[in-house]
C-alpha atoms as a PDB file:
ATOM      1  CA  MET A   1       9.951  17.465  72.889  1.00  0.00           C
ATOM      2  CA  THR A   2      12.594  19.591  71.403  1.00  0.00           C
ATOM      3  CA  GLU A   3      14.889  19.226  68.528  1.00  0.00           C
ATOM      4  CA  THR A   4      18.225  19.195  70.669  1.00  0.00           C
ATOM      5  CA  VAL A   5      16.290  15.975  72.462  1.00  0.00           C
ATOM      6  CA  ILE A   6      15.339  14.502  69.290  1.00  0.00           C
ATOM      7  CA  ILE A   7      19.174  14.664  67.930  1.00  0.00           C
ATOM      8  CA  ASN A   8      20.579  13.417  70.885  1.00  0.00           C
ATOM      9  CA  LEU A   9      19.108  10.674  71.001  1.00  0.00           C
ATOM     10  CA  GLY A  10      19.396   9.682  66.939  1.00  0.00           C
ATOM     11  CA  GLN A  11      22.896  10.385  68.113  1.00  0.00           C
ATOM     12  CA  GLU A  12      22.915   7.722  70.936  1.00  0.00           C
ATOM     13  CA  ALA A  13      21.064   5.491  68.677  1.00  0.00           C
ATOM     14  CA  VAL A  14      23.043   5.590  66.109  1.00  0.00           C
ATOM     15  CA  LYS A  15      26.271   5.104  68.117  1.00  0.00           C
ATOM     16  CA  THR A  16      24.705   2.192  69.729  1.00  0.00           C
ATOM     17  CA  VAL A  17      23.900   0.581  66.607  1.00  0.00           C
ATOM     18  CA  LEU A  18      27.618   1.160  65.905  1.00  0.00           C
ATOM     19  CA  LEU A  19      29.016  -0.301  68.569  1.00  0.00           C
ATOM     20  CA  VAL A  20      26.771  -3.184  68.745  1.00  0.00           C
ATOM     21  CA  ALA A  21      26.922  -4.225  65.099  1.00  0.00           C
ATOM     22  CA  GLY A  22      30.565  -3.187  64.336  1.00  0.00           C
ATOM     23  CA  PRO A  23      32.380  -6.455  65.967  1.00  0.00           C
ATOM     24  CA  PRO A  24      29.985  -9.117  63.688  1.00  0.00           C
ATOM     25  CA  LEU A  25      31.070  -6.668  60.758  1.00  0.00           C
ATOM     26  CA  GLY A  26      34.714  -6.013  60.753  1.00  0.00           C
ATOM     27  CA  LEU A  27      35.092  -9.487  61.961  1.00  0.00           C
ATOM     28  CA  GLY A  28      32.987 -10.667  58.476  1.00  0.00           C
ATOM     29  CA  ILE A  29      34.960  -7.974  56.050  1.00  0.00           C
ATOM     30  CA  LEU A  30      38.540  -9.063  57.246  1.00  0.00           C
ATOM     31  CA  VAL A  31      37.614 -12.728  56.799  1.00  0.00           C
ATOM     32  CA  GLY A  32      36.425 -11.712  53.654  1.00  0.00           C
ATOM     33  CA  LEU A  33      39.321  -9.666  52.913  1.00  0.00           C
ATOM     34  CA  LEU A  34      41.544 -12.970  53.673  1.00  0.00           C
ATOM     35  CA  VAL A  35      39.116 -15.374  51.753  1.00  0.00           C
ATOM     36  CA  SER A  36      39.712 -13.310  48.569  1.00  0.00           C
ATOM     37  CA  ILE A  37      43.302 -12.777  49.169  1.00  0.00           C
ATOM     38  CA  PHE A  38      43.733 -16.539  49.623  1.00  0.00           C
ATOM     39  CA  GLN A  39      41.012 -17.181  46.001  1.00  0.00           C
ATOM     40  CA  ALA A  40      43.152 -14.754  44.278  1.00  0.00           C
ATOM     41  CA  THR A  41      46.979 -16.381  44.922  1.00  0.00           C
ATOM     42  CA  THR A  42      45.153 -20.124  44.928  1.00  0.00           C
ATOM     43  CA  GLN A  43      43.004 -18.601  41.562  1.00  0.00           C
ATOM     44  CA  ILE A  44      40.037 -20.883  43.029  1.00  0.00           C
ATOM     45  CA  GLN A  45      37.054 -19.192  42.230  1.00  0.00           C
ATOM     46  CA  GLU A  46      34.015 -20.891  44.121  1.00  0.00           C
ATOM     47  CA  GLN A  47      31.639 -18.647  45.169  1.00  0.00           C
ATOM     48  CA  THR A  48      30.326 -20.818  48.038  1.00  0.00           C
ATOM     49  CA  LEU A  49      33.923 -20.644  49.523  1.00  0.00           C
ATOM     50  CA  THR A  50      33.362 -16.601  50.611  1.00  0.00           C
ATOM     51  CA  PHE A  51      30.163 -17.351  52.484  1.00  0.00           C
ATOM     52  CA  VAL A  52      31.038 -20.049  55.219  1.00  0.00           C
ATOM     53  CA  PRO A  53      34.199 -18.515  56.536  1.00  0.00           C
ATOM     54  CA  LYS A  54      32.160 -15.417  56.651  1.00  0.00           C
ATOM     55  CA  ILE A  55      29.447 -16.927  58.496  1.00  0.00           C
ATOM     56  CA  ILE A  56      31.364 -18.812  61.066  1.00  0.00           C
ATOM     57  CA  ALA A  57      33.691 -15.527  61.710  1.00  0.00           C
ATOM     58  CA  VAL A  58      30.468 -13.738  62.272  1.00  0.00           C
ATOM     59  CA  LEU A  59      28.950 -16.209  64.648  1.00  0.00           C
ATOM     60  CA  VAL A  60      32.337 -16.309  66.832  1.00  0.00           C
ATOM     61  CA  SER A  61      31.927 -12.620  67.134  1.00  0.00           C
ATOM     62  CA  ILE A  62      28.604 -12.835  68.209  1.00  0.00           C
ATOM     63  CA  VAL A  63      29.066 -15.706  70.761  1.00  0.00           C
ATOM     64  CA  VAL A  64      32.319 -13.875  71.715  1.00  0.00           C
ATOM     65  CA  PHE A  65      31.149 -10.190  72.036  1.00  0.00           C
ATOM     66  CA  GLY A  66      27.597 -11.492  72.914  1.00  0.00           C
ATOM     67  CA  SER A  67      27.166 -10.477  76.262  1.00  0.00           C
ATOM     68  CA  TRP A  68      29.108  -6.896  75.978  1.00  0.00           C
ATOM     69  CA  MET A  69      26.296  -6.564  72.864  1.00  0.00           C
ATOM     70  CA  LEU A  70      23.755  -7.430  75.281  1.00  0.00           C
ATOM     71  CA  ARG A  71      24.867  -5.587  77.727  1.00  0.00           C
ATOM     72  CA  ILE A  72      25.327  -2.165  75.659  1.00  0.00           C
ATOM     73  CA  LEU A  73      21.442  -2.830  74.474  1.00  0.00           C
ATOM     74  CA  ILE A  74      20.462  -2.916  77.930  1.00  0.00           C
ATOM     75  CA  ASP A  75      22.008   0.170  78.835  1.00  0.00           C
ATOM     76  CA  PHE A  76      20.673   2.348  76.138  1.00  0.00           C
ATOM     77  CA  GLY A  77      17.336   0.928  76.896  1.00  0.00           C
ATOM     78  CA  GLU A  78      17.338   2.037  80.412  1.00  0.00           C
ATOM     79  CA  ARG A  79      18.395   5.105  79.786  1.00  0.00           C
ATOM     80  CA  LEU A  80      15.751   5.403  77.115  1.00  0.00           C
ATOM     81  CA  LEU A  81      12.969   4.835  79.697  1.00  0.00           C
ATOM     82  CA  GLY A  82      14.434   6.038  82.338  1.00  0.00           C
ATOM     83  CA  ASN A  83      14.300   8.862  80.453  1.00  0.00           C
ATOM     84  CA  LEU A  84      10.666   8.953  78.865  1.00  0.00           C
ATOM     85  CA  HIS A  85       9.806  11.773  80.842  1.00  0.00           C
ATOM     86  CA  LEU A  86      11.719  13.863  78.941  1.00  0.00           C
ATOM     87  CA  TYR A  87      10.376  13.014  75.692  1.00  0.00           C
ATOM     88  CA  ILE A  88       6.702  13.466  76.313  1.00  0.00           C
ATOM     89  CA  SER A  89       5.537  17.064  76.174  1.00  0.00           C
END
């Protein structure tokens, strides 16, 4: 296994992780920002108020984007196993 193969495999793995984790994390950040703006304007400083909307947003994003995320992971796994002969030297 050469250094180029290792670097390409690492880049592909990082790209896959970012693609799969992006929608839930992005939606969680957006909802957290909206809740913090709401808390600042209403001066409600309840700590549990931030967690429930974030959890719901992440769960909804997993339900909505779940099949797409699974397809990305399956494609990565198929490419990884399909090129297994290149990794063994």
